[in-house]
Amino acid sequence: MPRAAVDGARPVDGAAMDGGHGRPASQAGAGSARIADPHGPGTAGGRPPLPLPARGHRPGPLDPGPLESVVMQPTDESTAEPAAEPTVEPTAEHAAGPTVQSVDVAALLADPYGTYAALREAAPVHRMTGPDGRPAWLVTRYDDVRRALADPRLSLDRRNALPGSYSGLSLPPALDANLLNMDPPDHTRLRRLVVKAFTPARVEALRAPVRRLAGDLLDAVAADGRADLMAAYAGPLPIAVICDLLGVPQRDRRDFREWTDALIAPDPGQPHRAKEAVGSLMRFVAALIEGKRAEPGDDLLSDLIAVRDGGDVLSPDELTSLVFLLLFAGYENTVHLIANAVLALLEHPVLLREVRSDPDVLATAVEEFMRWDGPVPLAIRRFPLQDVTIGGVVVPKGETVLLSLASANRDARQFPDPDRLDLRREHSGQLGLGHGIHHCLGAALARMETETALAVLFERLEDLELDLPKAPPVRRESLRARGLKSLPVRWSAQKRTGF
């Protein structure tokens, strides 16, 4: 396993100590130092890293997602706002100012949890630089990440990026008016309108339909005895739920799924298909919105069109952006949460027996799956509105900050025995879906879908197991999303129930 390469850098904020552990910064020195992986071969969780797909290059640390790669353009505007009151302060451990060190991206891809463990012990904040030379600050410790997630001085609006420091996406207006690119008061207004329609009651009303959809998907493959669970189950289920939620007519769902697939998993040999899908999906969403205006239905989109806060309503661009946000955040993240949880249970047979004997444990287990191997390793990038101190390191105004949810969720300072998967872990405070005003809007839906998908799967297929050694699971090669490209499984046709 590649070890985490950590390069020494100029001390920040006075006489720096190496990560607050008592070693003088001069011993780390300028130049290069290697931090051995404390977990030895394999991952911090005790299993060897899954194979990565063979490709001609590795993604950079900012690793744009599929939609971003379709429409990415440089963004150099800067419109910094006056600073809010400080909320991220150095702890006593960090007061002297740690040494800032750089990150081995290849090691993070090959063994993220082992590498993050080494980074956390070395220092709370690190420097990441991608192949394009664009730097970012990586925050790795739980307390620092949690504070930063709620810090109003860290802006999501990319117009607050330092000119030339952020190579991000530039979306058309119909897609740009979304919650992931907004700060208060715009974010407050939009979220207040959306939560009026996205209620817990609506999510709970979907539980029975989700269970039926899950059963139908398993019916289609039950007699085969083998399947790629990504293609047959974990992928199709969330997109069907999104279609139900938005009120997409049955006649349009095949096209909707094809466009979505082209964006979520683009074919590098046919880049034009993703661009075409963006245009087709935008036109479809616009037509769907107009249709719902004329003939409202019992669905979320109709409610979003009708929702009001006094005289305030969602604009057409805000509605279109929300549909895309639901599609990509609600679909992709749930796919990976389901698949990662299935893989975790299949690799921990004792825990799987516990789930089979007591399905009620899944209600709390989903929180642990989010903590232990969640689908979102990095929170969306942030830009300081002023110089801020995070973990004892001064991060300059406008520079890109990446908050590692994956690292924070394995921090032993917050979680006893953090590399152990504990389905009954209490009061975890996991950050898998964010924290503060930007906490995932669809968190309740993701939890319900995952809990239901796991319950139905393990009820129906009694001896489900990985299809080893014939077809091992394959990980996506990404720092932005923690997920699988394939999850081959097998079962005995005689040991299936409920079909």
Protein backbone atom coordinates (compact mmCIF):
# COMPACT_ATOMS: atom_id res chain seq x y z
CA MET A 1 0.00 0.00 0.00
CA PRO A 2 1.40 3.44 -0.79
CA ARG A 3 2.36 5.25 2.35
CA ALA A 4 1.13 8.76 3.06
CA ALA A 5 3.85 11.08 1.79
CA VAL A 6 3.94 14.20 3.90
CA ASP A 7 6.25 17.00 2.86
CA GLY A 8 7.49 19.53 5.38
CA ALA A 9 6.59 23.18 4.82
CA ARG A 10 7.25 26.59 6.31
CA PRO A 11 5.84 26.82 9.85
CA VAL A 12 2.74 28.97 10.18
CA ASP A 13 1.85 31.27 13.05
CA GLY A 14 4.96 31.23 15.16
CA ALA A 15 7.12 28.43 16.52
CA ALA A 16 5.29 25.44 15.10
CA MET A 17 5.19 22.00 16.65
CA ASP A 18 4.50 19.00 14.44
CA GLY A 19 0.75 18.46 14.82
CA GLY A 20 0.92 19.46 18.49
CA HIS A 21 2.62 16.21 19.51
CA GLY A 22 5.76 17.73 20.94
CA ARG A 23 8.20 17.17 18.05
CA PRO A 24 9.90 20.42 17.02
CA ALA A 25 9.01 21.57 13.53
CA SER A 26 12.71 21.71 12.73
CA GLN A 27 12.84 17.93 12.96
CA ALA A 28 10.19 17.67 10.28
CA GLY A 29 12.19 20.26 8.42
CA ALA A 30 11.83 21.63 4.95
CA GLY A 31 12.06 19.00 2.30
CA SER A 32 10.43 15.60 2.65
CA ALA A 33 9.41 13.34 5.50
CA ARG A 34 7.56 10.03 5.23
CA ILE A 35 4.83 9.03 7.66
CA ALA A 36 4.53 5.27 7.79
CA ASP A 37 1.01 3.89 7.57
CA PRO A 38 0.18 3.00 11.20
CA HIS A 39 -2.18 0.28 10.06
CA GLY A 40 0.27 -1.62 7.88
CA PRO A 41 -0.93 -3.25 4.66
CA GLY A 42 -4.57 -2.79 3.78
CA THR A 43 -6.97 -0.22 5.10
CA ALA A 44 -7.52 1.11 8.56
CA GLY A 45 -10.62 -1.02 8.77
CA GLY A 46 -8.60 -4.20 8.32
CA ARG A 47 -9.53 -5.13 4.75
CA PRO A 48 -7.28 -4.78 1.70
CA PRO A 49 -8.10 -1.90 -0.62
CA LEU A 50 -10.46 -2.79 -3.45
CA PRO A 51 -9.01 -2.69 -6.96
CA LEU A 52 -9.22 0.62 -8.73
CA PRO A 53 -10.30 0.68 -12.38
CA ALA A 54 -7.43 0.91 -14.83
CA ARG A 55 -7.22 4.38 -16.30
CA GLY A 56 -4.67 6.56 -17.97
CA HIS A 57 -4.50 9.14 -15.22
CA ARG A 58 -5.48 9.82 -11.65
CA PRO A 59 -7.93 12.58 -10.75
CA GLY A 60 -6.72 15.59 -8.85
CA PRO A 61 -7.73 16.28 -5.27
CA LEU A 62 -10.60 18.52 -6.34
CA ASP A 63 -11.83 15.65 -8.53
CA PRO A 64 -14.83 17.17 -10.36
CA GLY A 65 -17.93 15.06 -10.60
CA PRO A 66 -19.62 14.01 -13.85
CA LEU A 67 -21.78 17.11 -14.27
CA GLU A 68 -18.89 19.39 -13.40
CA SER A 69 -16.69 17.78 -16.07
CA VAL A 70 -19.36 18.52 -18.67
CA VAL A 71 -19.73 22.23 -17.96
CA MET A 72 -16.51 23.19 -16.17
CA GLN A 73 -15.06 26.61 -16.90
CA PRO A 74 -12.59 28.67 -14.87
CA THR A 75 -14.16 30.98 -12.32
CA ASP A 76 -12.09 33.99 -11.34
CA GLU A 77 -14.61 36.46 -9.92
CA SER A 78 -14.12 37.68 -6.37
CA THR A 79 -16.76 39.54 -4.37
CA ALA A 80 -15.73 39.12 -0.76
CA GLU A 81 -18.24 40.25 1.87
CA PRO A 82 -17.49 41.72 5.31
CA ALA A 83 -16.42 39.09 7.79
CA ALA A 84 -18.75 37.51 10.31
CA GLU A 85 -17.83 36.89 13.93
CA PRO A 86 -15.10 34.23 14.27
CA THR A 87 -16.25 30.76 15.21
CA VAL A 88 -13.24 28.57 14.31
CA GLU A 89 -10.53 28.97 16.90
CA PRO A 90 -7.35 26.99 17.54
CA THR A 91 -7.55 24.50 20.37
CA ALA A 92 -4.90 24.43 23.10
CA GLU A 93 -3.22 21.56 21.26
CA HIS A 94 -2.88 23.70 18.16
CA ALA A 95 -2.10 27.03 19.79
CA ALA A 96 1.57 26.96 18.83
CA GLY A 97 0.70 26.50 15.17
CA PRO A 98 1.38 23.14 13.48
CA THR A 99 3.55 22.49 10.48
CA VAL A 100 1.58 22.64 7.22
CA GLN A 101 2.23 19.55 5.12
CA SER A 102 1.23 18.34 1.68
CA VAL A 103 -0.84 15.31 0.77
CA ASP A 104 -0.04 12.26 -1.34
CA VAL A 105 -3.19 12.04 -3.48
CA ALA A 106 -2.31 8.58 -4.83
CA ALA A 107 -2.17 7.26 -1.27
CA LEU A 108 -5.59 8.76 -0.51
CA LEU A 109 -7.05 7.00 -3.53
CA ALA A 110 -5.44 3.64 -2.74
CA ASP A 111 -6.08 3.61 1.02
CA PRO A 112 -8.13 6.62 2.16
CA TYR A 113 -8.72 5.68 5.78
CA GLY A 114 -5.18 4.56 6.52
CA THR A 115 -3.82 7.68 4.85
CA TYR A 116 -6.25 9.99 6.65
CA ALA A 117 -5.21 8.39 9.95
CA ALA A 118 -1.59 9.27 9.24
CA LEU A 119 -2.53 12.79 8.20
CA ARG A 120 -4.62 13.38 11.33
CA GLU A 121 -1.75 12.38 13.55
CA ALA A 122 0.75 14.52 11.63
CA ALA A 123 -1.24 17.77 11.64
CA PRO A 124 -4.82 19.07 11.60
CA VAL A 125 -4.52 20.97 8.30
CA HIS A 126 -2.68 19.99 5.12
CA ARG A 127 -1.95 21.36 1.67
CA MET A 128 -3.38 19.59 -1.40
CA THR A 129 -2.29 20.42 -4.93
CA GLY A 130 -3.78 18.83 -8.03
CA PRO A 131 -2.19 18.17 -11.42
CA ASP A 132 -3.49 21.57 -12.59
CA GLY A 133 -1.45 23.26 -9.85
CA ARG A 134 -4.52 24.56 -8.02
CA PRO A 135 -3.90 24.33 -4.26
CA ALA A 136 -6.40 23.69 -1.48
CA TRP A 137 -6.35 23.35 2.29
CA LEU A 138 -7.44 19.96 3.66
CA VAL A 139 -8.88 19.83 7.20
CA THR A 140 -8.80 16.37 8.78
CA ARG A 141 -9.71 16.39 12.49
CA TYR A 142 -13.27 16.08 13.79
CA ASP A 143 -13.49 19.19 15.99
CA ASP A 144 -11.95 21.42 13.32
CA VAL A 145 -14.16 20.01 10.56
CA ARG A 146 -17.36 20.32 12.62
CA ARG A 147 -16.60 23.93 13.58
CA ALA A 148 -15.70 24.85 10.02
CA LEU A 149 -18.90 23.32 8.60
CA ALA A 150 -20.90 25.84 10.64
CA ASP A 151 -18.56 28.82 10.30
CA PRO A 152 -20.24 31.72 8.44
CA ARG A 153 -16.82 33.07 7.44
CA LEU A 154 -16.37 30.08 5.11
CA SER A 155 -18.42 30.86 2.02
CA LEU A 156 -19.90 28.40 -0.47
CA ASP A 157 -20.31 31.12 -3.08
CA ARG A 158 -17.46 30.64 -5.54
CA ARG A 159 -17.46 34.36 -6.34
CA ASN A 160 -15.57 34.66 -3.04
CA ALA A 161 -12.68 32.58 -4.35
CA LEU A 162 -9.35 34.32 -4.76
CA PRO A 163 -8.92 35.19 -8.47
CA GLY A 164 -7.08 32.36 -10.21
CA SER A 165 -7.10 30.10 -7.14
CA TYR A 166 -10.14 27.94 -7.96
CA SER A 167 -10.74 26.00 -11.17
CA GLY A 168 -14.38 25.16 -10.72
CA LEU A 169 -17.57 24.85 -12.65
CA SER A 170 -19.53 27.65 -14.23
CA LEU A 171 -23.13 26.64 -14.67
CA PRO A 172 -25.88 28.25 -16.74
CA PRO A 173 -28.34 30.34 -14.69
CA ALA A 174 -30.97 27.59 -14.77
CA LEU A 175 -28.60 25.33 -12.79
CA ASP A 176 -26.58 27.84 -10.78
CA ALA A 177 -29.30 29.04 -8.38
CA ASN A 178 -28.77 26.11 -6.01
CA LEU A 179 -28.19 25.65 -2.30
CA LEU A 180 -24.63 24.40 -2.82
CA ASN A 181 -23.51 27.76 -4.22
CA MET A 182 -25.27 30.09 -1.77
CA ASP A 183 -24.66 31.82 1.54
CA PRO A 184 -27.17 33.59 3.76
CA PRO A 185 -29.40 35.47 3.24
CA ASP A 186 -30.06 33.89 -0.19
CA HIS A 187 -29.49 30.39 1.19
CA THR A 188 -31.78 31.08 4.15
CA ARG A 189 -34.61 32.26 1.91
CA LEU A 190 -34.35 29.34 -0.52
CA ARG A 191 -34.03 26.67 2.14
CA ARG A 192 -36.99 28.11 4.07
CA LEU A 193 -39.16 27.72 0.98
CA VAL A 194 -37.93 24.21 0.17
CA VAL A 195 -38.39 22.73 3.65
CA LYS A 196 -42.06 23.68 3.53
CA ALA A 197 -42.51 21.04 0.81
CA PHE A 198 -39.77 18.55 1.81
CA THR A 199 -41.43 17.39 5.02
CA PRO A 200 -40.79 14.33 7.22
CA ALA A 201 -44.37 13.21 6.51
CA ARG A 202 -43.66 13.17 2.77
CA VAL A 203 -40.52 11.10 3.28
CA GLU A 204 -42.29 8.60 5.53
CA ALA A 205 -45.13 8.27 3.00
CA LEU A 206 -42.54 6.99 0.52
CA ARG A 207 -41.44 4.07 2.72
CA ALA A 208 -44.05 1.58 1.45
CA PRO A 209 -43.51 2.51 -2.23
CA VAL A 210 -39.72 2.19 -1.76
CA ARG A 211 -40.21 -1.26 -0.28
CA ARG A 212 -42.33 -2.30 -3.27
CA LEU A 213 -39.77 -0.91 -5.72
CA ALA A 214 -36.98 -2.80 -3.95
CA GLY A 215 -38.97 -6.03 -4.13
CA ASP A 216 -39.68 -5.53 -7.84
CA LEU A 217 -35.98 -5.04 -8.59
CA LEU A 218 -35.07 -8.25 -6.75
CA ASP A 219 -37.89 -10.12 -8.49
CA ALA A 220 -36.24 -9.32 -11.81
CA VAL A 221 -32.94 -11.04 -10.92
CA ALA A 222 -33.88 -13.55 -8.21
CA ALA A 223 -33.82 -16.61 -10.45
CA ASP A 224 -30.39 -15.75 -11.89
CA GLY A 225 -28.39 -16.48 -8.73
CA ARG A 226 -25.88 -13.76 -9.64
CA ALA A 227 -25.96 -10.02 -10.28
CA ASP A 228 -23.97 -6.82 -10.16
CA LEU A 229 -25.84 -5.19 -7.30
CA MET A 230 -24.84 -1.71 -8.49
CA ALA A 231 -26.58 -2.18 -11.83
CA ALA A 232 -29.47 -4.33 -10.62
CA TYR A 233 -30.39 -2.78 -7.29
CA ALA A 234 -28.37 0.02 -5.65
CA GLY A 235 -28.47 2.16 -8.81
CA PRO A 236 -32.05 1.71 -10.08
CA LEU A 237 -33.76 2.06 -6.69
CA PRO A 238 -32.82 5.69 -5.87
CA ILE A 239 -33.55 6.95 -9.39
CA ALA A 240 -37.01 5.33 -9.26
CA VAL A 241 -37.61 7.02 -5.90
CA ILE A 242 -36.54 10.40 -7.31
CA CYS A 243 -38.94 9.93 -10.24
CA ASP A 244 -41.79 9.15 -7.84
CA LEU A 245 -40.85 12.09 -5.64
CA LEU A 246 -40.81 14.56 -8.54
CA GLY A 247 -43.84 13.09 -10.27
CA VAL A 248 -42.01 12.08 -13.46
CA PRO A 249 -44.57 10.26 -15.67
CA GLN A 250 -43.93 6.56 -16.31
CA ARG A 251 -43.70 7.15 -20.07
CA ASP A 252 -40.70 9.48 -19.58
CA ARG A 253 -38.73 7.46 -17.05
CA ARG A 254 -36.65 5.48 -19.51
CA ASP A 255 -35.33 8.67 -21.11
CA PHE A 256 -34.87 10.22 -17.68
CA ARG A 257 -32.77 7.24 -16.55
CA GLU A 258 -30.66 7.29 -19.73
CA TRP A 259 -29.85 10.98 -19.33
CA THR A 260 -29.05 10.47 -15.68
CA ASP A 261 -26.76 7.52 -16.40
CA ALA A 262 -24.91 9.57 -19.01
CA LEU A 263 -24.19 12.23 -16.39
CA ILE A 264 -23.54 10.08 -13.32
CA ALA A 265 -21.28 7.58 -15.13
CA PRO A 266 -20.13 9.27 -18.35
CA ASP A 267 -18.47 7.22 -21.07
CA PRO A 268 -14.99 8.75 -21.57
CA GLY A 269 -15.06 7.49 -25.15
CA GLN A 270 -18.25 9.43 -25.89
CA PRO A 271 -17.99 12.79 -24.10
CA HIS A 272 -20.66 14.27 -26.37
CA ARG A 273 -23.30 12.04 -24.77
CA ALA A 274 -22.92 13.78 -21.40
CA LYS A 275 -23.22 17.23 -22.99
CA GLU A 276 -26.28 16.11 -24.92
CA ALA A 277 -27.77 14.68 -21.73
CA VAL A 278 -27.39 18.03 -19.94
CA GLY A 279 -29.34 19.79 -22.67
CA SER A 280 -31.99 17.08 -22.89
CA LEU A 281 -32.46 16.96 -19.14
CA MET A 282 -32.70 20.73 -18.83
CA ARG A 283 -35.38 20.84 -21.52
CA PHE A 284 -37.22 17.95 -19.90
CA VAL A 285 -37.16 19.54 -16.44
CA ALA A 286 -38.39 22.87 -17.84
CA ALA A 287 -41.28 21.09 -19.60
CA LEU A 288 -42.04 19.06 -16.46
CA ILE A 289 -42.25 22.25 -14.38
CA GLU A 290 -44.60 23.88 -16.88
CA GLY A 291 -46.75 20.74 -16.93
CA LYS A 292 -46.99 20.73 -13.14
CA ARG A 293 -47.94 24.41 -13.14
CA ALA A 294 -50.84 23.63 -15.46
CA GLU A 295 -51.86 20.36 -13.79
CA PRO A 296 -50.44 19.98 -10.27
CA GLY A 297 -50.09 16.47 -8.87
CA ASP A 298 -49.47 14.86 -5.50
CA ASP A 299 -45.69 15.16 -5.73
CA LEU A 300 -42.81 17.24 -4.41
CA LEU A 301 -42.33 19.27 -7.58
CA SER A 302 -45.96 20.41 -7.59
CA ASP A 303 -45.59 21.42 -3.95
CA LEU A 304 -42.36 23.31 -4.67
CA ILE A 305 -44.11 25.24 -7.42
CA ALA A 306 -46.98 26.12 -5.09
CA VAL A 307 -45.00 26.83 -1.93
CA ARG A 308 -44.99 30.40 -0.68
CA ASP A 309 -43.47 32.34 2.18
CA GLY A 310 -45.55 35.47 2.33
CA GLY A 311 -45.34 36.78 -1.23
CA ASP A 312 -42.10 34.89 -1.96
CA VAL A 313 -42.02 31.97 -4.41
CA LEU A 314 -39.31 29.95 -6.14
CA SER A 315 -38.21 31.33 -9.49
CA PRO A 316 -38.06 29.08 -12.60
CA ASP A 317 -34.25 28.92 -12.36
CA GLU A 318 -34.42 28.05 -8.65
CA LEU A 319 -36.90 25.26 -9.38
CA THR A 320 -34.72 23.85 -12.16
CA SER A 321 -31.61 24.02 -9.96
CA LEU A 322 -33.44 22.24 -7.13
CA VAL A 323 -34.46 19.39 -9.43
CA PHE A 324 -30.82 18.95 -10.47
CA LEU A 325 -29.68 19.11 -6.86
CA LEU A 326 -32.21 16.42 -5.90
CA LEU A 327 -31.06 14.35 -8.83
CA PHE A 328 -27.33 14.44 -8.16
CA ALA A 329 -27.17 14.74 -4.37
CA GLY A 330 -30.24 12.60 -3.73
CA TYR A 331 -29.47 9.97 -6.34
CA GLU A 332 -25.71 9.52 -6.43
CA ASN A 333 -25.12 9.77 -2.67
CA THR A 334 -27.89 7.29 -1.88
CA VAL A 335 -26.59 4.82 -4.48
CA HIS A 336 -23.18 4.79 -2.81
CA LEU A 337 -24.55 4.73 0.73
CA ILE A 338 -26.62 1.62 -0.06
CA ALA A 339 -23.80 -0.16 -1.89
CA ASN A 340 -21.15 0.68 0.71
CA ALA A 341 -23.44 -0.60 3.47
CA VAL A 342 -24.12 -3.86 1.62
CA LEU A 343 -20.40 -4.40 1.06
CA ALA A 344 -19.66 -3.65 4.72
CA LEU A 345 -22.18 -6.25 5.92
CA LEU A 346 -21.05 -8.89 3.44
CA GLU A 347 -17.48 -8.39 4.70
CA HIS A 348 -18.63 -8.60 8.34
CA PRO A 349 -20.68 -11.81 8.55
CA VAL A 350 -21.18 -11.55 12.32
CA LEU A 351 -22.82 -8.15 11.86
CA LEU A 352 -24.88 -9.46 8.95
CA ARG A 353 -26.25 -12.23 11.18
CA GLU A 354 -27.14 -9.54 13.71
CA VAL A 355 -29.09 -7.63 11.04
CA ARG A 356 -30.91 -10.77 9.91
CA SER A 357 -31.90 -11.68 13.47
CA ASP A 358 -32.87 -8.13 14.48
CA PRO A 359 -33.80 -5.96 11.44
CA ASP A 360 -34.75 -3.11 13.78
CA VAL A 361 -31.04 -2.48 14.29
CA LEU A 362 -30.92 -0.98 10.79
CA ALA A 363 -32.53 2.25 12.00
CA THR A 364 -29.40 3.07 14.00
CA ALA A 365 -27.00 1.12 11.80
CA VAL A 366 -27.51 3.53 8.89
CA GLU A 367 -25.86 6.28 10.98
CA GLU A 368 -22.88 4.01 11.50
CA PHE A 369 -22.64 3.19 7.79
CA MET A 370 -22.53 6.94 7.07
CA ARG A 371 -19.75 7.34 9.62
CA TRP A 372 -17.68 4.28 8.81
CA ASP A 373 -17.72 4.40 5.00
CA GLY A 374 -19.95 7.26 3.88
CA PRO A 375 -20.54 8.34 0.28
CA VAL A 376 -19.23 11.92 0.66
CA PRO A 377 -15.55 12.04 1.68
CA LEU A 378 -15.22 15.80 1.22
CA ALA A 379 -17.73 18.54 1.95
CA ILE A 380 -18.29 21.01 -0.85
CA ARG A 381 -15.43 23.51 -1.17
CA ARG A 382 -15.45 26.69 0.87
CA PHE A 383 -13.76 30.08 0.55
CA PRO A 384 -12.81 32.21 3.59
CA LEU A 385 -14.27 35.73 3.57
CA GLN A 386 -11.24 36.80 5.61
CA ASP A 387 -8.09 35.17 6.92
CA VAL A 388 -9.27 32.44 9.32
CA THR A 389 -7.48 30.19 11.78
CA ILE A 390 -8.38 26.50 11.53
CA GLY A 391 -6.57 24.00 13.72
CA GLY A 392 -3.93 26.59 14.49
CA VAL A 393 -3.23 27.28 10.79
CA VAL A 394 -3.98 30.65 9.20
CA VAL A 395 -5.87 30.07 5.95
CA PRO A 396 -5.81 33.17 3.73
CA LYS A 397 -8.94 34.88 2.46
CA GLY A 398 -10.35 33.40 -0.74
CA GLU A 399 -8.28 30.20 -0.83
CA THR A 400 -10.03 26.85 -1.30
CA VAL A 401 -10.80 24.86 1.86
CA LEU A 402 -11.77 21.17 1.76
CA LEU A 403 -13.28 19.64 4.90
CA SER A 404 -12.73 15.89 5.08
CA LEU A 405 -15.89 14.25 6.41
CA ALA A 406 -14.30 10.84 5.89
CA SER A 407 -11.32 11.70 8.07
CA ALA A 408 -13.40 13.42 10.75
CA ASN A 409 -15.66 10.38 11.00
CA ARG A 410 -12.65 8.14 11.81
CA ASP A 411 -11.11 10.47 14.40
CA ALA A 412 -10.42 8.64 17.67
CA ARG A 413 -10.72 11.94 19.52
CA GLN A 414 -14.48 11.72 18.87
CA PHE A 415 -15.17 8.03 18.21
CA PRO A 416 -13.81 5.26 20.46
CA ASP A 417 -12.25 2.51 18.33
CA PRO A 418 -13.15 4.45 15.16
CA ASP A 419 -12.10 1.79 12.65
CA ARG A 420 -14.53 -0.74 14.13
CA LEU A 421 -17.96 -1.01 12.49
CA ASP A 422 -20.41 -0.93 15.41
CA LEU A 423 -24.07 -1.10 14.37
CA ARG A 424 -25.22 -0.06 17.84
CA ARG A 425 -22.82 2.83 18.33
CA GLU A 426 -24.52 5.55 20.37
CA HIS A 427 -24.32 9.33 20.12
CA SER A 428 -21.81 9.27 17.31
CA GLY A 429 -22.31 12.81 15.98
CA GLN A 430 -21.21 11.58 12.57
CA LEU A 431 -20.76 14.25 9.89
CA GLY A 432 -21.46 12.10 6.83
CA LEU A 433 -24.19 14.39 5.51
CA GLY A 434 -22.82 17.65 6.84
CA HIS A 435 -23.56 19.92 9.80
CA GLY A 436 -25.00 23.37 10.33
CA ILE A 437 -27.12 25.32 7.88
CA HIS A 438 -25.79 23.30 4.94
CA HIS A 439 -26.72 19.92 6.42
CA CYS A 440 -28.06 17.71 3.63
CA LEU A 441 -31.66 18.63 2.86
CA GLY A 442 -32.46 15.05 1.80
CA ALA A 443 -30.80 13.34 4.79
CA ALA A 444 -34.08 11.82 6.04
CA LEU A 445 -34.84 10.45 2.57
CA ALA A 446 -31.36 8.93 2.23
CA ARG A 447 -31.68 7.26 5.63
CA MET A 448 -35.11 5.84 4.86
CA GLU A 449 -34.10 4.54 1.42
CA THR A 450 -30.95 2.89 2.76
CA GLU A 451 -32.69 1.29 5.72
CA THR A 452 -35.47 -0.05 3.48
CA ALA A 453 -33.13 -1.24 0.73
CA LEU A 454 -31.00 -3.21 3.19
CA ALA A 455 -33.99 -4.70 4.98
CA VAL A 456 -35.62 -5.97 1.77
CA LEU A 457 -32.35 -7.26 0.30
CA PHE A 458 -31.37 -9.36 3.29
CA GLU A 459 -34.91 -10.57 3.88
CA ARG A 460 -35.25 -11.82 0.32
CA LEU A 461 -31.80 -13.28 -0.37
CA GLU A 462 -30.94 -15.40 2.65
CA ASP A 463 -27.46 -16.51 1.61
CA LEU A 464 -26.31 -13.43 -0.30
CA GLU A 465 -22.51 -13.23 -0.55
CA LEU A 466 -19.78 -11.58 -2.60
CA ASP A 467 -19.06 -13.32 -5.89
CA LEU A 468 -15.47 -14.14 -4.95
CA PRO A 469 -12.98 -14.94 -6.28
CA LYS A 470 -14.63 -14.72 -9.68
CA ALA A 471 -15.64 -11.07 -9.57
CA PRO A 472 -14.37 -8.83 -6.75
CA PRO A 473 -16.00 -5.44 -6.14
CA VAL A 474 -14.36 -2.49 -7.90
CA ARG A 475 -14.08 0.95 -6.34
CA ARG A 476 -14.63 4.23 -8.15
CA GLU A 477 -11.39 6.15 -8.53
CA SER A 478 -12.46 9.36 -6.85
CA LEU A 479 -11.79 11.59 -3.87
CA ARG A 480 -15.12 13.38 -4.28
CA ALA A 481 -17.36 10.30 -3.99
CA ARG A 482 -16.74 7.12 -2.01
CA GLY A 483 -18.49 4.45 -4.00
CA LEU A 484 -18.33 1.35 -6.16
CA LYS A 485 -18.30 0.82 -9.89
CA SER A 486 -19.47 -2.76 -9.46
CA LEU A 487 -20.63 -5.03 -6.63
CA PRO A 488 -20.93 -8.61 -7.95
CA VAL A 489 -22.89 -10.93 -5.63
CA ARG A 490 -24.37 -14.42 -5.73
CA TRP A 491 -27.04 -16.40 -3.92
CA SER A 492 -28.83 -19.75 -4.12
CA ALA A 493 -32.14 -19.69 -5.93
CA GLN A 494 -33.45 -22.16 -3.35
CA LYS A 495 -32.68 -19.78 -0.47
CA ARG A 496 -34.78 -16.77 -1.37
CA THR A 497 -38.00 -15.72 0.24
CA GLY A 498 -40.94 -13.51 -0.56
CA PHE A 499 -40.84 -14.00 -4.34
